[in-house]
Amino acid sequence: MTVYLQEWKSLRAELKEQSKVARRVYQTRLQQVFDAGVEQGIFCVEDSRLAAMFIITVLSGVFQWFHIEGPLSLEELSEQYTMYILRALESVGELADRYRNLVQRATKEKGSA
């Protein structure tokens, strides 16, 4: 992530170009996911490019503060981030319901263990 976010500008020309291409591909694929989700009524996103940049920005900072020995497990962090992202994208319908149900079941199982 450090290279992706900050150090890519310091790469030699060939690697810098490869990094730019990889970044564009990643962003474009994420935009396509949002466009498909809007089409299917799963997301309420007015600008898929902006939504993709939002998600990339949100996720890219995790490596700076997350520690496996910290108060959250990777699974807990993933569950909470997924819920926040789905809410931010105004996720509706079966996908959102299915994810909420999975989280609720996992939470109940942890409580009974």
PDB file of N, CA and C in Angstrom:
ATOM      1  N   MET A   1       0.822  -1.201   0.000  1.00  0.00           N
ATOM      2  CA  MET A   1       0.000   0.000   0.000  1.00  0.00           C
ATOM      3  C   MET A   1       0.857   1.253   0.000  1.00  0.00           C
ATOM      4  N   THR A   2       2.002   1.200   0.666  1.00  0.00           N
ATOM      5  CA  THR A   2       2.869   2.370   0.671  1.00  0.00           C
ATOM      6  C   THR A   2       3.277   2.728  -0.747  1.00  0.00           C
ATOM      7  N   VAL A   3       3.676   1.716  -1.525  1.00  0.00           N
ATOM      8  CA  VAL A   3       4.050   1.971  -2.917  1.00  0.00           C
ATOM      9  C   VAL A   3       2.837   2.473  -3.684  1.00  0.00           C
ATOM     10  N   TYR A   4       1.695   1.824  -3.499  1.00  0.00           N
ATOM     11  CA  TYR A   4       0.474   2.197  -4.206  1.00  0.00           C
ATOM     12  C   TYR A   4       0.101   3.654  -3.922  1.00  0.00           C
ATOM     13  N   LEU A   5       0.232   4.070  -2.687  1.00  0.00           N
ATOM     14  CA  LEU A   5      -0.222   5.398  -2.296  1.00  0.00           C
ATOM     15  C   LEU A   5       0.831   6.490  -2.430  1.00  0.00           C
ATOM     16  N   GLN A   6       2.081   6.166  -2.110  1.00  0.00           N
ATOM     17  CA  GLN A   6       3.060   7.236  -1.967  1.00  0.00           C
ATOM     18  C   GLN A   6       4.305   7.059  -2.830  1.00  0.00           C
ATOM     19  N   GLU A   7       4.855   5.881  -2.848  1.00  0.00           N
ATOM     20  CA  GLU A   7       6.166   5.692  -3.456  1.00  0.00           C
ATOM     21  C   GLU A   7       6.144   5.404  -4.947  1.00  0.00           C
ATOM     22  N   TRP A   8       4.975   5.215  -5.542  1.00  0.00           N
ATOM     23  CA  TRP A   8       4.909   4.889  -6.960  1.00  0.00           C
ATOM     24  C   TRP A   8       5.560   5.972  -7.813  1.00  0.00           C
ATOM     25  N   LYS A   9       5.548   7.207  -7.345  1.00  0.00           N
ATOM     26  CA  LYS A   9       6.138   8.314  -8.104  1.00  0.00           C
ATOM     27  C   LYS A   9       7.655   8.204  -8.170  1.00  0.00           C
ATOM     28  N   SER A  10       8.251   7.469  -7.251  1.00  0.00           N
ATOM     29  CA  SER A  10       9.707   7.318  -7.196  1.00  0.00           C
ATOM     30  C   SER A  10      10.212   6.137  -8.020  1.00  0.00           C
ATOM     31  N   LEU A  11       9.314   5.347  -8.553  1.00  0.00           N
ATOM     32  CA  LEU A  11       9.714   4.178  -9.336  1.00  0.00           C
ATOM     33  C   LEU A  11      10.336   4.615 -10.660  1.00  0.00           C
ATOM     34  N   ARG A  12      11.175   3.741 -11.219  1.00  0.00           N
ATOM     35  CA  ARG A  12      11.725   4.055 -12.546  1.00  0.00           C
ATOM     36  C   ARG A  12      10.566   4.040 -13.547  1.00  0.00           C
ATOM     37  N   ALA A  13      10.771   4.669 -14.684  1.00  0.00           N
ATOM     38  CA  ALA A  13       9.703   4.951 -15.645  1.00  0.00           C
ATOM     39  C   ALA A  13       8.856   3.730 -15.988  1.00  0.00           C
ATOM     40  N   GLU A  14       9.476   2.599 -16.286  1.00  0.00           N
ATOM     41  CA  GLU A  14       8.733   1.396 -16.679  1.00  0.00           C
ATOM     42  C   GLU A  14       7.818   0.917 -15.552  1.00  0.00           C
ATOM     43  N   LEU A  15       8.354   0.859 -14.338  1.00  0.00           N
ATOM     44  CA  LEU A  15       7.556   0.408 -13.198  1.00  0.00           C
ATOM     45  C   LEU A  15       6.490   1.439 -12.825  1.00  0.00           C
ATOM     46  N   LYS A  16       6.798   2.703 -13.001  1.00  0.00           N
ATOM     47  CA  LYS A  16       5.818   3.748 -12.722  1.00  0.00           C
ATOM     48  C   LYS A  16       4.617   3.585 -13.650  1.00  0.00           C
ATOM     49  N   GLU A  17       4.884   3.325 -14.912  1.00  0.00           N
ATOM     50  CA  GLU A  17       3.800   3.137 -15.872  1.00  0.00           C
ATOM     51  C   GLU A  17       2.985   1.895 -15.531  1.00  0.00           C
ATOM     52  N   GLN A  18       3.659   0.811 -15.159  1.00  0.00           N
ATOM     53  CA  GLN A  18       2.946  -0.409 -14.762  1.00  0.00           C
ATOM     54  C   GLN A  18       2.066  -0.139 -13.549  1.00  0.00           C
ATOM     55  N   SER A  19       2.572   0.646 -12.623  1.00  0.00           N
ATOM     56  CA  SER A  19       1.806   0.989 -11.426  1.00  0.00           C
ATOM     57  C   SER A  19       0.577   1.818 -11.795  1.00  0.00           C
ATOM     58  N   LYS A  20       0.746   2.775 -12.688  1.00  0.00           N
ATOM     59  CA  LYS A  20      -0.392   3.596 -13.127  1.00  0.00           C
ATOM     60  C   LYS A  20      -1.461   2.737 -13.793  1.00  0.00           C
ATOM     61  N   VAL A  21      -1.019   1.819 -14.653  1.00  0.00           N
ATOM     62  CA  VAL A  21      -1.961   0.936 -15.344  1.00  0.00           C
ATOM     63  C   VAL A  21      -2.706   0.070 -14.327  1.00  0.00           C
ATOM     64  N   ALA A  22      -1.982  -0.499 -13.371  1.00  0.00           N
ATOM     65  CA  ALA A  22      -2.607  -1.343 -12.344  1.00  0.00           C
ATOM     66  C   ALA A  22      -3.620  -0.538 -11.530  1.00  0.00           C
ATOM     67  N   ARG A  23      -3.290   0.678 -11.203  1.00  0.00           N
ATOM     68  CA  ARG A  23      -4.203   1.537 -10.442  1.00  0.00           C
ATOM     69  C   ARG A  23      -5.476   1.809 -11.232  1.00  0.00           C
ATOM     70  N   ARG A  24      -5.304   2.112 -12.534  1.00  0.00           N
ATOM     71  CA  ARG A  24      -6.477   2.379 -13.382  1.00  0.00           C
ATOM     72  C   ARG A  24      -7.357   1.141 -13.520  1.00  0.00           C
ATOM     73  N   VAL A  25      -6.739  -0.021 -13.692  1.00  0.00           N
ATOM     74  CA  VAL A  25      -7.495  -1.269 -13.817  1.00  0.00           C
ATOM     75  C   VAL A  25      -8.285  -1.525 -12.531  1.00  0.00           C
ATOM     76  N   TYR A  26      -7.626  -1.375 -11.396  1.00  0.00           N
ATOM     77  CA  TYR A  26      -8.271  -1.600 -10.095  1.00  0.00           C
ATOM     78  C   TYR A  26      -9.471  -0.660  -9.932  1.00  0.00           C
ATOM     79  N   GLN A  27      -9.259   0.613 -10.209  1.00  0.00           N
ATOM     80  CA  GLN A  27     -10.324   1.599 -10.055  1.00  0.00           C
ATOM     81  C   GLN A  27     -11.458   1.326 -11.039  1.00  0.00           C
ATOM     82  N   THR A  28     -11.123   1.001 -12.271  1.00  0.00           N
ATOM     83  CA  THR A  28     -12.138   0.734 -13.288  1.00  0.00           C
ATOM     84  C   THR A  28     -12.981  -0.478 -12.914  1.00  0.00           C
ATOM     85  N   ARG A  29     -12.345  -1.523 -12.437  1.00  0.00           N
ATOM     86  CA  ARG A  29     -13.105  -2.722 -12.039  1.00  0.00           C
ATOM     87  C   ARG A  29     -14.041  -2.425 -10.876  1.00  0.00           C
ATOM     88  N   LEU A  30     -13.574  -1.635  -9.940  1.00  0.00           N
ATOM     89  CA  LEU A  30     -14.433  -1.257  -8.818  1.00  0.00           C
ATOM     90  C   LEU A  30     -15.608  -0.414  -9.308  1.00  0.00           C
ATOM     91  N   GLN A  31     -15.349   0.508 -10.222  1.00  0.00           N
ATOM     92  CA  GLN A  31     -16.428   1.304 -10.804  1.00  0.00           C
ATOM     93  C   GLN A  31     -17.441   0.401 -11.500  1.00  0.00           C
ATOM     94  N   GLN A  32     -16.969  -0.612 -12.205  1.00  0.00           N
ATOM     95  CA  GLN A  32     -17.866  -1.537 -12.891  1.00  0.00           C
ATOM     96  C   GLN A  32     -18.748  -2.299 -11.903  1.00  0.00           C
ATOM     97  N   VAL A  33     -18.188  -2.646 -10.755  1.00  0.00           N
ATOM     98  CA  VAL A  33     -18.971  -3.309  -9.710  1.00  0.00           C
ATOM     99  C   VAL A  33     -20.092  -2.377  -9.253  1.00  0.00           C
ATOM    100  N   PHE A  34     -19.762  -1.110  -9.035  1.00  0.00           N
ATOM    101  CA  PHE A  34     -20.777  -0.159  -8.584  1.00  0.00           C
ATOM    102  C   PHE A  34     -21.826   0.087  -9.667  1.00  0.00           C
ATOM    103  N   ASP A  35     -21.388   0.217 -10.913  1.00  0.00           N
ATOM    104  CA  ASP A  35     -22.344   0.413 -12.004  1.00  0.00           C
ATOM    105  C   ASP A  35     -23.311  -0.770 -12.101  1.00  0.00           C
ATOM    106  N   ALA A  36     -22.782  -1.983 -12.008  1.00  0.00           N
ATOM    107  CA  ALA A  36     -23.631  -3.182 -12.055  1.00  0.00           C
ATOM    108  C   ALA A  36     -24.574  -3.211 -10.857  1.00  0.00           C
ATOM    109  N   GLY A  37     -24.061  -2.838  -9.688  1.00  0.00           N
ATOM    110  CA  GLY A  37     -24.897  -2.812  -8.491  1.00  0.00           C
ATOM    111  C   GLY A  37     -26.015  -1.793  -8.579  1.00  0.00           C
ATOM    112  N   VAL A  38     -25.735  -0.650  -9.179  1.00  0.00           N
ATOM    113  CA  VAL A  38     -26.767   0.368  -9.376  1.00  0.00           C
ATOM    114  C   VAL A  38     -27.821  -0.163 -10.349  1.00  0.00           C
ATOM    115  N   GLU A  39     -27.348  -0.765 -11.426  1.00  0.00           N
ATOM    116  CA  GLU A  39     -28.247  -1.327 -12.425  1.00  0.00           C
ATOM    117  C   GLU A  39     -29.184  -2.376 -11.823  1.00  0.00           C
ATOM    118  N   GLN A  40     -28.667  -3.153 -10.883  1.00  0.00           N
ATOM    119  CA  GLN A  40     -29.456  -4.211 -10.254  1.00  0.00           C
ATOM    120  C   GLN A  40     -30.241  -3.722  -9.039  1.00  0.00           C
ATOM    121  N   GLY A  41     -30.097  -2.454  -8.699  1.00  0.00           N
ATOM    122  CA  GLY A  41     -30.814  -1.902  -7.567  1.00  0.00           C
ATOM    123  C   GLY A  41     -30.194  -2.234  -6.225  1.00  0.00           C
ATOM    124  N   ILE A  42     -28.923  -2.612  -6.229  1.00  0.00           N
ATOM    125  CA  ILE A  42     -28.233  -2.972  -4.989  1.00  0.00           C
ATOM    126  C   ILE A  42     -27.612  -1.751  -4.325  1.00  0.00           C
ATOM    127  N   PHE A  43     -27.058  -0.847  -5.136  1.00  0.00           N
ATOM    128  CA  PHE A  43     -26.403   0.359  -4.613  1.00  0.00           C
ATOM    129  C   PHE A  43     -27.119   1.603  -5.108  1.00  0.00           C
ATOM    130  N   CYS A  44     -27.021   2.653  -4.324  1.00  0.00           N
ATOM    131  CA  CYS A  44     -27.483   3.970  -4.731  1.00  0.00           C
ATOM    132  C   CYS A  44     -26.239   4.846  -4.824  1.00  0.00           C
ATOM    133  N   VAL A  45     -25.650   4.893  -6.019  1.00  0.00           N
ATOM    134  CA  VAL A  45     -24.398   5.610  -6.242  1.00  0.00           C
ATOM    135  C   VAL A  45     -24.595   6.523  -7.447  1.00  0.00           C
ATOM    136  N   GLU A  46     -24.384   7.814  -7.258  1.00  0.00           N
ATOM    137  CA  GLU A  46     -24.558   8.754  -8.359  1.00  0.00           C
ATOM    138  C   GLU A  46     -23.336   8.810  -9.269  1.00  0.00           C
ATOM    139  N   ASP A  47     -22.156   8.599  -8.711  1.00  0.00           N
ATOM    140  CA  ASP A  47     -20.913   8.722  -9.476  1.00  0.00           C
ATOM    141  C   ASP A  47     -20.014   7.537  -9.114  1.00  0.00           C
ATOM    142  N   SER A  48     -19.957   6.539  -9.990  1.00  0.00           N
ATOM    143  CA  SER A  48     -19.210   5.326  -9.666  1.00  0.00           C
ATOM    144  C   SER A  48     -17.714   5.592  -9.523  1.00  0.00           C
ATOM    145  N   ARG A  49     -17.184   6.569 -10.259  1.00  0.00           N
ATOM    146  CA  ARG A  49     -15.762   6.905 -10.127  1.00  0.00           C
ATOM    147  C   ARG A  49     -15.487   7.450  -8.723  1.00  0.00           C
ATOM    148  N   LEU A  50     -16.324   8.347  -8.276  1.00  0.00           N
ATOM    149  CA  LEU A  50     -16.155   8.924  -6.942  1.00  0.00           C
ATOM    150  C   LEU A  50     -16.349   7.858  -5.865  1.00  0.00           C
ATOM    151  N   ALA A  51     -17.322   6.983  -6.055  1.00  0.00           N
ATOM    152  CA  ALA A  51     -17.545   5.901  -5.095  1.00  0.00           C
ATOM    153  C   ALA A  51     -16.330   4.988  -5.024  1.00  0.00           C
ATOM    154  N   ALA A  52     -15.737   4.682  -6.180  1.00  0.00           N
ATOM    155  CA  ALA A  52     -14.540   3.840  -6.204  1.00  0.00           C
ATOM    156  C   ALA A  52     -13.391   4.519  -5.474  1.00  0.00           C
ATOM    157  N   MET A  53     -13.207   5.806  -5.705  1.00  0.00           N
ATOM    158  CA  MET A  53     -12.127   6.529  -5.018  1.00  0.00           C
ATOM    159  C   MET A  53     -12.372   6.563  -3.508  1.00  0.00           C
ATOM    160  N   PHE A  54     -13.633   6.705  -3.122  1.00  0.00           N
ATOM    161  CA  PHE A  54     -13.990   6.699  -1.699  1.00  0.00           C
ATOM    162  C   PHE A  54     -13.581   5.378  -1.054  1.00  0.00           C
ATOM    163  N   ILE A  55     -13.954   4.272  -1.680  1.00  0.00           N
ATOM    164  CA  ILE A  55     -13.649   2.952  -1.122  1.00  0.00           C
ATOM    165  C   ILE A  55     -12.143   2.714  -1.097  1.00  0.00           C
ATOM    166  N   ILE A  56     -11.462   3.063  -2.170  1.00  0.00           N
ATOM    167  CA  ILE A  56      -9.999   2.902  -2.211  1.00  0.00           C
ATOM    168  C   ILE A  56      -9.353   3.702  -1.091  1.00  0.00           C
ATOM    169  N   THR A  57      -9.813   4.921  -0.891  1.00  0.00           N
ATOM    170  CA  THR A  57      -9.265   5.772   0.165  1.00  0.00           C
ATOM    171  C   THR A  57      -9.525   5.183   1.549  1.00  0.00           C
ATOM    172  N   VAL A  58     -10.750   4.712   1.771  1.00  0.00           N
ATOM    173  CA  VAL A  58     -11.105   4.125   3.065  1.00  0.00           C
ATOM    174  C   VAL A  58     -10.236   2.905   3.371  1.00  0.00           C
ATOM    175  N   LEU A  59     -10.106   2.028   2.400  1.00  0.00           N
ATOM    176  CA  LEU A  59      -9.387   0.780   2.630  1.00  0.00           C
ATOM    177  C   LEU A  59      -7.872   0.948   2.646  1.00  0.00           C
ATOM    178  N   SER A  60      -7.371   1.940   1.954  1.00  0.00           N
ATOM    179  CA  SER A  60      -5.923   2.065   1.814  1.00  0.00           C
ATOM    180  C   SER A  60      -5.213   2.498   3.094  1.00  0.00           C
ATOM    181  N   GLY A  61      -5.914   3.068   4.030  1.00  0.00           N
ATOM    182  CA  GLY A  61      -5.274   3.509   5.252  1.00  0.00           C
ATOM    183  C   GLY A  61      -5.159   2.453   6.339  1.00  0.00           C
ATOM    184  N   VAL A  62      -5.845   1.339   6.161  1.00  0.00           N
ATOM    185  CA  VAL A  62      -5.894   0.308   7.202  1.00  0.00           C
ATOM    186  C   VAL A  62      -4.505  -0.197   7.567  1.00  0.00           C
ATOM    187  N   PHE A  63      -3.653  -0.379   6.560  1.00  0.00           N
ATOM    188  CA  PHE A  63      -2.321  -0.938   6.831  1.00  0.00           C
ATOM    189  C   PHE A  63      -1.511  -0.066   7.785  1.00  0.00           C
ATOM    190  N   GLN A  64      -1.854   1.210   7.888  1.00  0.00           N
ATOM    191  CA  GLN A  64      -1.092   2.112   8.746  1.00  0.00           C
ATOM    192  C   GLN A  64      -1.412   1.952  10.230  1.00  0.00           C
ATOM    193  N   TRP A  65      -2.577   1.452  10.545  1.00  0.00           N
ATOM    194  CA  TRP A  65      -2.945   1.388  11.960  1.00  0.00           C
ATOM    195  C   TRP A  65      -3.347  -0.006  12.438  1.00  0.00           C
ATOM    196  N   PHE A  66      -3.737  -0.889  11.540  1.00  0.00           N
ATOM    197  CA  PHE A  66      -4.233  -2.189  11.975  1.00  0.00           C
ATOM    198  C   PHE A  66      -3.080  -3.098  12.387  1.00  0.00           C
ATOM    199  N   HIS A  67      -3.255  -3.737  13.563  1.00  0.00           N
ATOM    200  CA  HIS A  67      -2.297  -4.730  14.046  1.00  0.00           C
ATOM    201  C   HIS A  67      -3.081  -5.978  14.437  1.00  0.00           C
ATOM    202  N   ILE A  68      -2.609  -7.108  13.991  1.00  0.00           N
ATOM    203  CA  ILE A  68      -3.297  -8.372  14.243  1.00  0.00           C
ATOM    204  C   ILE A  68      -3.441  -8.637  15.739  1.00  0.00           C
ATOM    205  N   GLU A  69      -2.519  -8.078  16.536  1.00  0.00           N
ATOM    206  CA  GLU A  69      -2.590  -8.263  17.990  1.00  0.00           C
ATOM    207  C   GLU A  69      -3.503  -7.230  18.652  1.00  0.00           C
ATOM    208  N   GLY A  70      -4.092  -6.339  17.858  1.00  0.00           N
ATOM    209  CA  GLY A  70      -4.915  -5.265  18.406  1.00  0.00           C
ATOM    210  C   GLY A  70      -6.268  -5.740  18.901  1.00  0.00           C
ATOM    211  N   PRO A  71      -7.125  -4.798  19.249  1.00  0.00           N
ATOM    212  CA  PRO A  71      -8.427  -5.141  19.838  1.00  0.00           C
ATOM    213  C   PRO A  71      -9.394  -5.798  18.848  1.00  0.00           C
ATOM    214  N   LEU A  72      -9.186  -5.609  17.540  1.00  0.00           N
ATOM    215  CA  LEU A  72     -10.062  -6.226  16.541  1.00  0.00           C
ATOM    216  C   LEU A  72      -9.315  -7.310  15.779  1.00  0.00           C
ATOM    217  N   SER A  73      -9.990  -8.407  15.536  1.00  0.00           N
ATOM    218  CA  SER A  73      -9.410  -9.425  14.651  1.00  0.00           C
ATOM    219  C   SER A  73      -9.602  -8.941  13.218  1.00  0.00           C
ATOM    220  N   LEU A  74      -8.898  -9.552  12.302  1.00  0.00           N
ATOM    221  CA  LEU A  74      -9.054  -9.202  10.895  1.00  0.00           C
ATOM    222  C   LEU A  74     -10.485  -9.467  10.440  1.00  0.00           C
ATOM    223  N   GLU A  75     -11.073 -10.550  10.929  1.00  0.00           N
ATOM    224  CA  GLU A  75     -12.460 -10.878  10.596  1.00  0.00           C
ATOM    225  C   GLU A  75     -13.422  -9.802  11.111  1.00  0.00           C
ATOM    226  N   GLU A  76     -13.228  -9.361  12.349  1.00  0.00           N
ATOM    227  CA  GLU A  76     -14.095  -8.319  12.915  1.00  0.00           C
ATOM    228  C   GLU A  76     -13.956  -7.009  12.145  1.00  0.00           C
ATOM    229  N   LEU A  77     -12.728  -6.655  11.821  1.00  0.00           N
ATOM    230  CA  LEU A  77     -12.491  -5.441  11.045  1.00  0.00           C
ATOM    231  C   LEU A  77     -13.184  -5.549   9.687  1.00  0.00           C
ATOM    232  N   SER A  78     -13.028  -6.679   9.032  1.00  0.00           N
ATOM    233  CA  SER A  78     -13.643  -6.888   7.716  1.00  0.00           C
ATOM    234  C   SER A  78     -15.161  -6.775   7.797  1.00  0.00           C
ATOM    235  N   GLU A  79     -15.744  -7.384   8.810  1.00  0.00           N
ATOM    236  CA  GLU A  79     -17.200  -7.326   8.975  1.00  0.00           C
ATOM    237  C   GLU A  79     -17.675  -5.892   9.184  1.00  0.00           C
ATOM    238  N   GLN A  80     -16.992  -5.169  10.061  1.00  0.00           N
ATOM    239  CA  GLN A  80     -17.421  -3.803  10.347  1.00  0.00           C
ATOM    240  C   GLN A  80     -17.207  -2.885   9.150  1.00  0.00           C
ATOM    241  N   TYR A  81     -16.070  -3.009   8.481  1.00  0.00           N
ATOM    242  CA  TYR A  81     -15.817  -2.185   7.305  1.00  0.00           C
ATOM    243  C   TYR A  81     -16.839  -2.483   6.206  1.00  0.00           C
ATOM    244  N   THR A  82     -17.160  -3.751   6.025  1.00  0.00           N
ATOM    245  CA  THR A  82     -18.139  -4.115   5.002  1.00  0.00           C
ATOM    246  C   THR A  82     -19.484  -3.471   5.304  1.00  0.00           C
ATOM    247  N   MET A  83     -19.902  -3.504   6.551  1.00  0.00           N
ATOM    248  CA  MET A  83     -21.173  -2.870   6.923  1.00  0.00           C
ATOM    249  C   MET A  83     -21.122  -1.364   6.686  1.00  0.00           C
ATOM    250  N   TYR A  84     -20.030  -0.721   7.078  1.00  0.00           N
ATOM    251  CA  TYR A  84     -19.913   0.730   6.868  1.00  0.00           C
ATOM    252  C   TYR A  84     -19.965   1.064   5.376  1.00  0.00           C
ATOM    253  N   ILE A  85     -19.259   0.273   4.571  1.00  0.00           N
ATOM    254  CA  ILE A  85     -19.227   0.524   3.135  1.00  0.00           C
ATOM    255  C   ILE A  85     -20.601   0.305   2.520  1.00  0.00           C
ATOM    256  N   LEU A  86     -21.273  -0.788   2.905  1.00  0.00           N
ATOM    257  CA  LEU A  86     -22.608  -1.030   2.372  1.00  0.00           C
ATOM    258  C   LEU A  86     -23.561   0.102   2.758  1.00  0.00           C
ATOM    259  N   ARG A  87     -23.456   0.583   3.962  1.00  0.00           N
ATOM    260  CA  ARG A  87     -24.304   1.705   4.388  1.00  0.00           C
ATOM    261  C   ARG A  87     -23.973   2.969   3.602  1.00  0.00           C
ATOM    262  N   ALA A  88     -22.684   3.227   3.403  1.00  0.00           N
ATOM    263  CA  ALA A  88     -22.275   4.429   2.678  1.00  0.00           C
ATOM    264  C   ALA A  88     -22.770   4.402   1.233  1.00  0.00           C
ATOM    265  N   LEU A  89     -22.840   3.222   0.665  1.00  0.00           N
ATOM    266  CA  LEU A  89     -23.299   3.080  -0.718  1.00  0.00           C
ATOM    267  C   LEU A  89     -24.805   2.884  -0.783  1.00  0.00           C
ATOM    268  N   GLU A  90     -25.445   3.042   0.366  1.00  0.00           N
ATOM    269  CA  GLU A  90     -26.882   2.854   0.482  1.00  0.00           C
ATOM    270  C   GLU A  90     -27.307   1.526  -0.125  1.00  0.00           C
ATOM    271  N   SER A  91     -26.566   0.505   0.260  1.00  0.00           N
ATOM    272  CA  SER A  91     -26.850  -0.834  -0.248  1.00  0.00           C
ATOM    273  C   SER A  91     -28.211  -1.284   0.242  1.00  0.00           C
ATOM    274  N   VAL A  92     -28.962  -1.820  -0.677  1.00  0.00           N
ATOM    275  CA  VAL A  92     -30.309  -2.285  -0.366  1.00  0.00           C
ATOM    276  C   VAL A  92     -30.504  -3.665  -0.972  1.00  0.00           C
ATOM    277  N   GLY A  93     -31.562  -4.282  -0.589  1.00  0.00           N
ATOM    278  CA  GLY A  93     -31.939  -5.522  -1.227  1.00  0.00           C
ATOM    279  C   GLY A  93     -31.273  -6.743  -0.639  1.00  0.00           C
ATOM    280  N   GLU A  94     -31.286  -7.786  -1.429  1.00  0.00           N
ATOM    281  CA  GLU A  94     -30.869  -9.112  -0.976  1.00  0.00           C
ATOM    282  C   GLU A  94     -29.411  -9.156  -0.531  1.00  0.00           C
ATOM    283  N   LEU A  95     -28.516  -8.507  -1.273  1.00  0.00           N
ATOM    284  CA  LEU A  95     -27.098  -8.536  -0.913  1.00  0.00           C
ATOM    285  C   LEU A  95     -26.881  -7.961   0.483  1.00  0.00           C
ATOM    286  N   ALA A  96     -27.441  -6.805   0.733  1.00  0.00           N
ATOM    287  CA  ALA A  96     -27.285  -6.176   2.044  1.00  0.00           C
ATOM    288  C   ALA A  96     -27.923  -7.024   3.138  1.00  0.00           C
ATOM    289  N   ASP A  97     -29.115  -7.533   2.862  1.00  0.00           N
ATOM    290  CA  ASP A  97     -29.807  -8.377   3.842  1.00  0.00           C
ATOM    291  C   ASP A  97     -29.004  -9.640   4.143  1.00  0.00           C
ATOM    292  N   ARG A  98     -28.484 -10.256   3.083  1.00  0.00           N
ATOM    293  CA  ARG A  98     -27.702 -11.481   3.258  1.00  0.00           C
ATOM    294  C   ARG A  98     -26.466 -11.206   4.110  1.00  0.00           C
ATOM    295  N   TYR A  99     -25.783 -10.098   3.849  1.00  0.00           N
ATOM    296  CA  TYR A  99     -24.589  -9.785   4.628  1.00  0.00           C
ATOM    297  C   TYR A  99     -24.948  -9.485   6.083  1.00  0.00           C
ATOM    298  N   ARG A 100     -25.996  -8.725   6.298  1.00  0.00           N
ATOM    299  CA  ARG A 100     -26.418  -8.427   7.668  1.00  0.00           C
ATOM    300  C   ARG A 100     -26.741  -9.717   8.419  1.00  0.00           C
ATOM    301  N   ASN A 101     -27.416 -10.637   7.760  1.00  0.00           N
ATOM    302  CA  ASN A 101     -27.746 -11.920   8.386  1.00  0.00           C
ATOM    303  C   ASN A 101     -26.498 -12.715   8.732  1.00  0.00           C
ATOM    304  N   LEU A 102     -25.508 -12.722   7.851  1.00  0.00           N
ATOM    305  CA  LEU A 102     -24.247 -13.417   8.133  1.00  0.00           C
ATOM    306  C   LEU A 102     -23.560 -12.832   9.358  1.00  0.00           C
ATOM    307  N   VAL A 103     -23.524 -11.510   9.423  1.00  0.00           N
ATOM    308  CA  VAL A 103     -22.877 -10.847  10.566  1.00  0.00           C
ATOM    309  C   VAL A 103     -23.632 -11.151  11.845  1.00  0.00           C
ATOM    310  N   GLN A 104     -24.958 -11.102  11.801  1.00  0.00           N
ATOM    311  CA  GLN A 104     -25.746 -11.391  12.990  1.00  0.00           C
ATOM    312  C   GLN A 104     -25.534 -12.827  13.461  1.00  0.00           C
ATOM    313  N   ARG A 105     -25.500 -13.771  12.537  1.00  0.00           N
ATOM    314  CA  ARG A 105     -25.260 -15.171  12.905  1.00  0.00           C
ATOM    315  C   ARG A 105     -23.884 -15.346  13.522  1.00  0.00           C
ATOM    316  N   ALA A 106     -22.880 -14.732  12.909  1.00  0.00           N
ATOM    317  CA  ALA A 106     -21.510 -14.850  13.428  1.00  0.00           C
ATOM    318  C   ALA A 106     -21.416 -14.241  14.821  1.00  0.00           C
ATOM    319  N   THR A 107     -22.103 -13.139  15.036  1.00  0.00           N
ATOM    320  CA  THR A 107     -22.092 -12.480  16.336  1.00  0.00           C
ATOM    321  C   THR A 107     -22.759 -13.368  17.388  1.00  0.00           C
ATOM    322  N   LYS A 108     -23.870 -13.981  17.028  1.00  0.00           N
ATOM    323  CA  LYS A 108     -24.559 -14.888  17.958  1.00  0.00           C
ATOM    324  C   LYS A 108     -23.693 -16.095  18.283  1.00  0.00           C
ATOM    325  N   GLU A 109     -23.023 -16.652  17.272  1.00  0.00           N
ATOM    326  CA  GLU A 109     -22.153 -17.808  17.484  1.00  0.00           C
ATOM    327  C   GLU A 109     -20.989 -17.457  18.400  1.00  0.00           C
ATOM    328  N   LYS A 110     -20.434 -16.278  18.267  1.00  0.00           N
ATOM    329  CA  LYS A 110     -19.335 -15.844  19.143  1.00  0.00           C
ATOM    330  C   LYS A 110     -19.839 -15.720  20.575  1.00  0.00           C
ATOM    331  N   GLY A 111     -21.054 -15.186  20.709  1.00  0.00           N
ATOM    332  CA  GLY A 111     -21.619 -15.003  22.035  1.00  0.00           C
ATOM    333  C   GLY A 111     -21.920 -16.299  22.747  1.00  0.00           C
ATOM    334  N   SER A 112     -22.242 -17.331  21.992  1.00  0.00           N
ATOM    335  CA  SER A 112     -22.583 -18.613  22.616  1.00  0.00           C
ATOM    336  C   SER A 112     -21.380 -19.528  22.770  1.00  0.00           C
ATOM    337  N   ALA A 113     -20.256 -19.135  22.200  1.00  0.00           N
ATOM    338  CA  ALA A 113     -19.037 -19.978  22.286  1.00  0.00           C
ATOM    339  C   ALA A 113     -18.320 -19.818  23.604  1.00  0.00           C
TER     340      ALA A 113
END
